[in-house]
């Protein structure tokens, strides 16, 4: 079962923003990180889901159909948002970070892109276990502020540590 399946919105809100273990290593709540750095776009997400449903993948009936994969969602982004741009994938699993979970975004050019498709990694092997994609507007500087260099800096820790 996915680690967040039974959590309510209030459960996520109650998570510690950031915590430090006995050795001083930080863990930042992915929920809090994403809510401070993204704006959800429900109409664009519905457009994505409707686009997938028009030609939905089925193992037996429609093996070439669409689903929430990198290639299909990239095609959607090219068709609806960035017709002349290459779509790139950024996966935090490949970065050193302090987040409680990893996420993956599909985007055009950093800082010029006003829409990204994002999914979260909800457990299991790092190559699978992803949520469905949702569409957001990013605040780029906030979105990529997840490094240990920042949160584990001795001058910064007191800002986040609670008594």
C-alpha atoms as a PDB file:
ATOM      1  CA  UNK A   1       0.000   0.000   0.000  1.00  0.00           C
ATOM      2  CA  UNK A   2       1.297   3.492  -0.840  1.00  0.00           C
ATOM      3  CA  UNK A   3       2.604   5.310   2.213  1.00  0.00           C
ATOM      4  CA  UNK A   4       0.165   8.232   1.943  1.00  0.00           C
ATOM      5  CA  UNK A   5      -2.986   6.385   0.940  1.00  0.00           C
ATOM      6  CA  UNK A   6      -4.654   6.581   4.358  1.00  0.00           C
ATOM      7  CA  UNK A   7      -3.523  10.119   5.225  1.00  0.00           C
ATOM      8  CA  UNK A   8      -6.006  12.984   5.274  1.00  0.00           C
ATOM      9  CA  UNK A   9      -5.221  16.573   4.349  1.00  0.00           C
ATOM     10  CA  UNK A  10      -5.122  17.399   8.069  1.00  0.00           C
ATOM     11  CA  UNK A  11      -2.581  14.603   8.613  1.00  0.00           C
ATOM     12  CA  UNK A  12      -0.320  16.216   6.031  1.00  0.00           C
ATOM     13  CA  UNK A  13      -0.812  19.689   7.527  1.00  0.00           C
ATOM     14  CA  UNK A  14       0.207  18.352  10.966  1.00  0.00           C
ATOM     15  CA  UNK A  15       3.526  17.010   9.689  1.00  0.00           C
ATOM     16  CA  UNK A  16       6.596  18.793  10.993  1.00  0.00           C
ATOM     17  CA  UNK A  17       7.765  21.326   8.438  1.00  0.00           C
ATOM     18  CA  UNK A  18      11.323  20.174   9.019  1.00  0.00           C
ATOM     19  CA  UNK A  19      12.897  17.890  11.589  1.00  0.00           C
ATOM     20  CA  UNK A  20      16.451  17.083  12.591  1.00  0.00           C
ATOM     21  CA  UNK A  21      17.692  13.712  13.778  1.00  0.00           C
ATOM     22  CA  UNK A  22      20.185  13.190  16.619  1.00  0.00           C
ATOM     23  CA  UNK A  23      23.096  13.663  14.188  1.00  0.00           C
ATOM     24  CA  UNK A  24      21.736  16.965  12.866  1.00  0.00           C
ATOM     25  CA  UNK A  25      20.483  15.659   9.507  1.00  0.00           C
ATOM     26  CA  UNK A  26      17.372  17.394   8.194  1.00  0.00           C
ATOM     27  CA  UNK A  27      14.149  15.968   6.773  1.00  0.00           C
ATOM     28  CA  UNK A  28      11.701  18.418   5.189  1.00  0.00           C
ATOM     29  CA  UNK A  29       8.056  17.460   4.703  1.00  0.00           C
ATOM     30  CA  UNK A  30       7.352  17.061   0.990  1.00  0.00           C
ATOM     31  CA  UNK A  31       3.779  18.259   1.576  1.00  0.00           C
ATOM     32  CA  UNK A  32       4.948  21.548   3.081  1.00  0.00           C
ATOM     33  CA  UNK A  33       7.664  21.912   0.453  1.00  0.00           C
ATOM     34  CA  UNK A  34       5.229  21.532  -2.438  1.00  0.00           C
ATOM     35  CA  UNK A  35       2.497  23.722  -0.935  1.00  0.00           C
ATOM     36  CA  UNK A  36       4.965  26.604  -0.546  1.00  0.00           C
ATOM     37  CA  UNK A  37       6.468  26.253  -4.024  1.00  0.00           C
ATOM     38  CA  UNK A  38       3.609  25.269  -6.357  1.00  0.00           C
ATOM     39  CA  UNK A  39       0.137  26.462  -7.314  1.00  0.00           C
ATOM     40  CA  UNK A  40      -2.224  23.682  -8.357  1.00  0.00           C
ATOM     41  CA  UNK A  41      -3.965  24.114 -11.721  1.00  0.00           C
ATOM     42  CA  UNK A  42      -7.152  21.991 -11.540  1.00  0.00           C
ATOM     43  CA  UNK A  43      -8.447  22.861 -15.028  1.00  0.00           C
ATOM     44  CA  UNK A  44      -5.164  21.932 -16.683  1.00  0.00           C
ATOM     45  CA  UNK A  45      -5.006  18.718 -14.637  1.00  0.00           C
ATOM     46  CA  UNK A  46      -8.542  17.838 -15.774  1.00  0.00           C
ATOM     47  CA  UNK A  47      -7.486  18.551 -19.355  1.00  0.00           C
ATOM     48  CA  UNK A  48      -4.590  16.093 -18.920  1.00  0.00           C
ATOM     49  CA  UNK A  49      -6.830  13.410 -17.425  1.00  0.00           C
ATOM     50  CA  UNK A  50      -9.460  13.880 -20.145  1.00  0.00           C
ATOM     51  CA  UNK A  51      -6.735  13.663 -22.819  1.00  0.00           C
ATOM     52  CA  UNK A  52      -5.522  10.364 -21.337  1.00  0.00           C
ATOM     53  CA  UNK A  53      -9.091   8.985 -21.092  1.00  0.00           C
ATOM     54  CA  UNK A  54      -9.698   9.645 -24.813  1.00  0.00           C
ATOM     55  CA  UNK A  55      -7.155   6.933 -25.665  1.00  0.00           C
ATOM     56  CA  UNK A  56      -6.607   5.159 -22.337  1.00  0.00           C
ATOM     57  CA  UNK A  57      -4.035   2.397 -22.133  1.00  0.00           C
ATOM     58  CA  UNK A  58      -5.287  -1.150 -21.598  1.00  0.00           C
ATOM     59  CA  UNK A  59      -2.923  -4.121 -21.596  1.00  0.00           C
ATOM     60  CA  UNK A  60      -5.165  -6.225 -23.853  1.00  0.00           C
ATOM     61  CA  UNK A  61      -7.549  -3.824 -25.583  1.00  0.00           C
ATOM     62  CA  UNK A  62      -5.344  -0.794 -26.202  1.00  0.00           C
ATOM     63  CA  UNK A  63      -1.630  -1.516 -25.610  1.00  0.00           C
ATOM     64  CA  UNK A  64      -0.618   1.694 -27.424  1.00  0.00           C
ATOM     65  CA  UNK A  65      -2.970   3.902 -25.425  1.00  0.00           C
ATOM     66  CA  UNK A  66      -2.116   6.738 -23.065  1.00  0.00           C
ATOM     67  CA  UNK A  67      -1.423   6.730 -19.336  1.00  0.00           C
ATOM     68  CA  UNK A  68       0.479   8.721 -16.721  1.00  0.00           C
ATOM     69  CA  UNK A  69       3.959   7.942 -18.090  1.00  0.00           C
ATOM     70  CA  UNK A  70       6.786  10.362 -18.803  1.00  0.00           C
ATOM     71  CA  UNK A  71       6.434   9.950 -22.563  1.00  0.00           C
ATOM     72  CA  UNK A  72       2.640  10.332 -22.654  1.00  0.00           C
ATOM     73  CA  UNK A  73       2.532  13.333 -20.313  1.00  0.00           C
ATOM     74  CA  UNK A  74       5.418  14.908 -22.257  1.00  0.00           C
ATOM     75  CA  UNK A  75       3.367  14.488 -25.437  1.00  0.00           C
ATOM     76  CA  UNK A  76       0.418  16.170 -23.700  1.00  0.00           C
ATOM     77  CA  UNK A  77       2.608  19.101 -22.602  1.00  0.00           C
ATOM     78  CA  UNK A  78       3.910  19.522 -26.152  1.00  0.00           C
ATOM     79  CA  UNK A  79       0.404  19.411 -27.564  1.00  0.00           C
ATOM     80  CA  UNK A  80      -1.205  21.849 -25.105  1.00  0.00           C
ATOM     81  CA  UNK A  81       1.477  24.053 -23.531  1.00  0.00           C
ATOM     82  CA  UNK A  82       4.865  23.960 -25.256  1.00  0.00           C
ATOM     83  CA  UNK A  83       4.483  22.908 -28.908  1.00  0.00           C
ATOM     84  CA  UNK A  84       7.948  24.013 -29.998  1.00  0.00           C
ATOM     85  CA  UNK A  85       9.919  23.090 -26.846  1.00  0.00           C
ATOM     86  CA  UNK A  86      11.597  19.940 -25.681  1.00  0.00           C
ATOM     87  CA  UNK A  87      10.111  18.537 -22.466  1.00  0.00           C
ATOM     88  CA  UNK A  88      12.633  17.593 -19.771  1.00  0.00           C
ATOM     89  CA  UNK A  89      12.290  15.369 -16.715  1.00  0.00           C
ATOM     90  CA  UNK A  90      13.782  16.220 -13.337  1.00  0.00           C
ATOM     91  CA  UNK A  91      13.615  13.568 -10.580  1.00  0.00           C
ATOM     92  CA  UNK A  92      14.752  14.472  -7.064  1.00  0.00           C
ATOM     93  CA  UNK A  93      15.836  10.865  -6.488  1.00  0.00           C
ATOM     94  CA  UNK A  94      18.898  11.807  -8.536  1.00  0.00           C
ATOM     95  CA  UNK A  95      19.702  14.786  -6.281  1.00  0.00           C
ATOM     96  CA  UNK A  96      20.991  14.942  -2.752  1.00  0.00           C
ATOM     97  CA  UNK A  97      17.999  16.368  -0.916  1.00  0.00           C
ATOM     98  CA  UNK A  98      16.340  16.549   2.505  1.00  0.00           C
ATOM     99  CA  UNK A  99      12.776  15.848   1.348  1.00  0.00           C
ATOM    100  CA  UNK A 100      10.644  13.196   3.028  1.00  0.00           C
ATOM    101  CA  UNK A 101       9.719  11.826  -0.429  1.00  0.00           C
ATOM    102  CA  UNK A 102      10.954  12.298  -3.952  1.00  0.00           C
ATOM    103  CA  UNK A 103       9.070  13.945  -6.787  1.00  0.00           C
ATOM    104  CA  UNK A 104       9.420  14.163 -10.536  1.00  0.00           C
ATOM    105  CA  UNK A 105       8.552  17.107 -12.762  1.00  0.00           C
ATOM    106  CA  UNK A 106       8.178  17.446 -16.501  1.00  0.00           C
ATOM    107  CA  UNK A 107       8.973  20.936 -17.737  1.00  0.00           C
ATOM    108  CA  UNK A 108      10.204  23.021 -20.603  1.00  0.00           C
ATOM    109  CA  UNK A 109      12.887  25.639 -19.846  1.00  0.00           C
ATOM    110  CA  UNK A 110      13.512  26.441 -16.166  1.00  0.00           C
ATOM    111  CA  UNK A 111      12.295  29.906 -15.148  1.00  0.00           C
ATOM    112  CA  UNK A 112      10.555  30.341 -18.516  1.00  0.00           C
ATOM    113  CA  UNK A 113       8.092  27.510 -17.931  1.00  0.00           C
ATOM    114  CA  UNK A 114       4.893  28.525 -16.183  1.00  0.00           C
ATOM    115  CA  UNK A 115       3.409  25.022 -16.106  1.00  0.00           C
ATOM    116  CA  UNK A 116       4.923  21.756 -14.937  1.00  0.00           C
ATOM    117  CA  UNK A 117       3.545  18.247 -14.582  1.00  0.00           C
ATOM    118  CA  UNK A 118       4.450  16.734 -11.223  1.00  0.00           C
ATOM    119  CA  UNK A 119       4.110  13.307  -9.661  1.00  0.00           C
ATOM    120  CA  UNK A 120       5.335  12.063  -6.302  1.00  0.00           C
ATOM    121  CA  UNK A 121       7.148   8.856  -5.495  1.00  0.00           C
ATOM    122  CA  UNK A 122       4.972   6.972  -3.029  1.00  0.00           C
ATOM    123  CA  UNK A 123       7.123   4.003  -2.186  1.00  0.00           C
ATOM    124  CA  UNK A 124       8.438   0.843  -3.757  1.00  0.00           C
ATOM    125  CA  UNK A 125      11.332   0.863  -6.201  1.00  0.00           C
ATOM    126  CA  UNK A 126      12.533   4.316  -7.318  1.00  0.00           C
ATOM    127  CA  UNK A 127      11.618   3.443 -10.924  1.00  0.00           C
ATOM    128  CA  UNK A 128       7.944   2.936 -10.061  1.00  0.00           C
ATOM    129  CA  UNK A 129       5.383   3.701  -7.391  1.00  0.00           C
ATOM    130  CA  UNK A 130       4.602   7.145  -8.802  1.00  0.00           C
ATOM    131  CA  UNK A 131       1.352   9.045  -8.379  1.00  0.00           C
ATOM    132  CA  UNK A 132      -0.596  10.331 -11.352  1.00  0.00           C
ATOM    133  CA  UNK A 133       0.678  13.605 -12.757  1.00  0.00           C
ATOM    134  CA  UNK A 134      -0.940  16.905 -11.797  1.00  0.00           C
ATOM    135  CA  UNK A 135      -0.304  20.301 -13.412  1.00  0.00           C
ATOM    136  CA  UNK A 136       1.127  23.210 -11.395  1.00  0.00           C
ATOM    137  CA  UNK A 137       2.672  26.638 -11.721  1.00  0.00           C
ATOM    138  CA  UNK A 138       6.088  26.559 -10.008  1.00  0.00           C
ATOM    139  CA  UNK A 139       7.974  29.105  -7.959  1.00  0.00           C
ATOM    140  CA  UNK A 140      11.317  27.833  -9.200  1.00  0.00           C
ATOM    141  CA  UNK A 141      13.583  29.142  -6.438  1.00  0.00           C
ATOM    142  CA  UNK A 142      11.375  27.610  -3.753  1.00  0.00           C
ATOM    143  CA  UNK A 143      10.868  24.342  -5.639  1.00  0.00           C
ATOM    144  CA  UNK A 144      14.590  23.596  -5.806  1.00  0.00           C
ATOM    145  CA  UNK A 145      15.411  24.759  -2.286  1.00  0.00           C
ATOM    146  CA  UNK A 146      15.800  21.277  -0.807  1.00  0.00           C
ATOM    147  CA  UNK A 147      19.531  20.810  -0.339  1.00  0.00           C
ATOM    148  CA  UNK A 148      21.260  19.598   2.780  1.00  0.00           C
ATOM    149  CA  UNK A 149      23.821  22.385   2.298  1.00  0.00           C
ATOM    150  CA  UNK A 150      21.099  24.884   3.164  1.00  0.00           C
ATOM    151  CA  UNK A 151      18.981  23.120   5.804  1.00  0.00           C
ATOM    152  CA  UNK A 152      21.919  21.568   7.657  1.00  0.00           C
ATOM    153  CA  UNK A 153      23.938  24.792   7.766  1.00  0.00           C
ATOM    154  CA  UNK A 154      24.615  25.687  11.427  1.00  0.00           C
ATOM    155  CA  UNK A 155      23.516  29.304  10.830  1.00  0.00           C
ATOM    156  CA  UNK A 156      20.214  28.167   9.291  1.00  0.00           C
ATOM    157  CA  UNK A 157      19.231  25.327  11.659  1.00  0.00           C
ATOM    158  CA  UNK A 158      18.007  27.614  14.480  1.00  0.00           C
ATOM    159  CA  UNK A 159      15.380  29.088  12.130  1.00  0.00           C
ATOM    160  CA  UNK A 160      13.738  25.666  11.760  1.00  0.00           C
ATOM    161  CA  UNK A 161      14.459  23.953  15.067  1.00  0.00           C
ATOM    162  CA  UNK A 162      11.697  24.107  17.616  1.00  0.00           C
ATOM    163  CA  UNK A 163      12.003  23.834  21.362  1.00  0.00           C
END
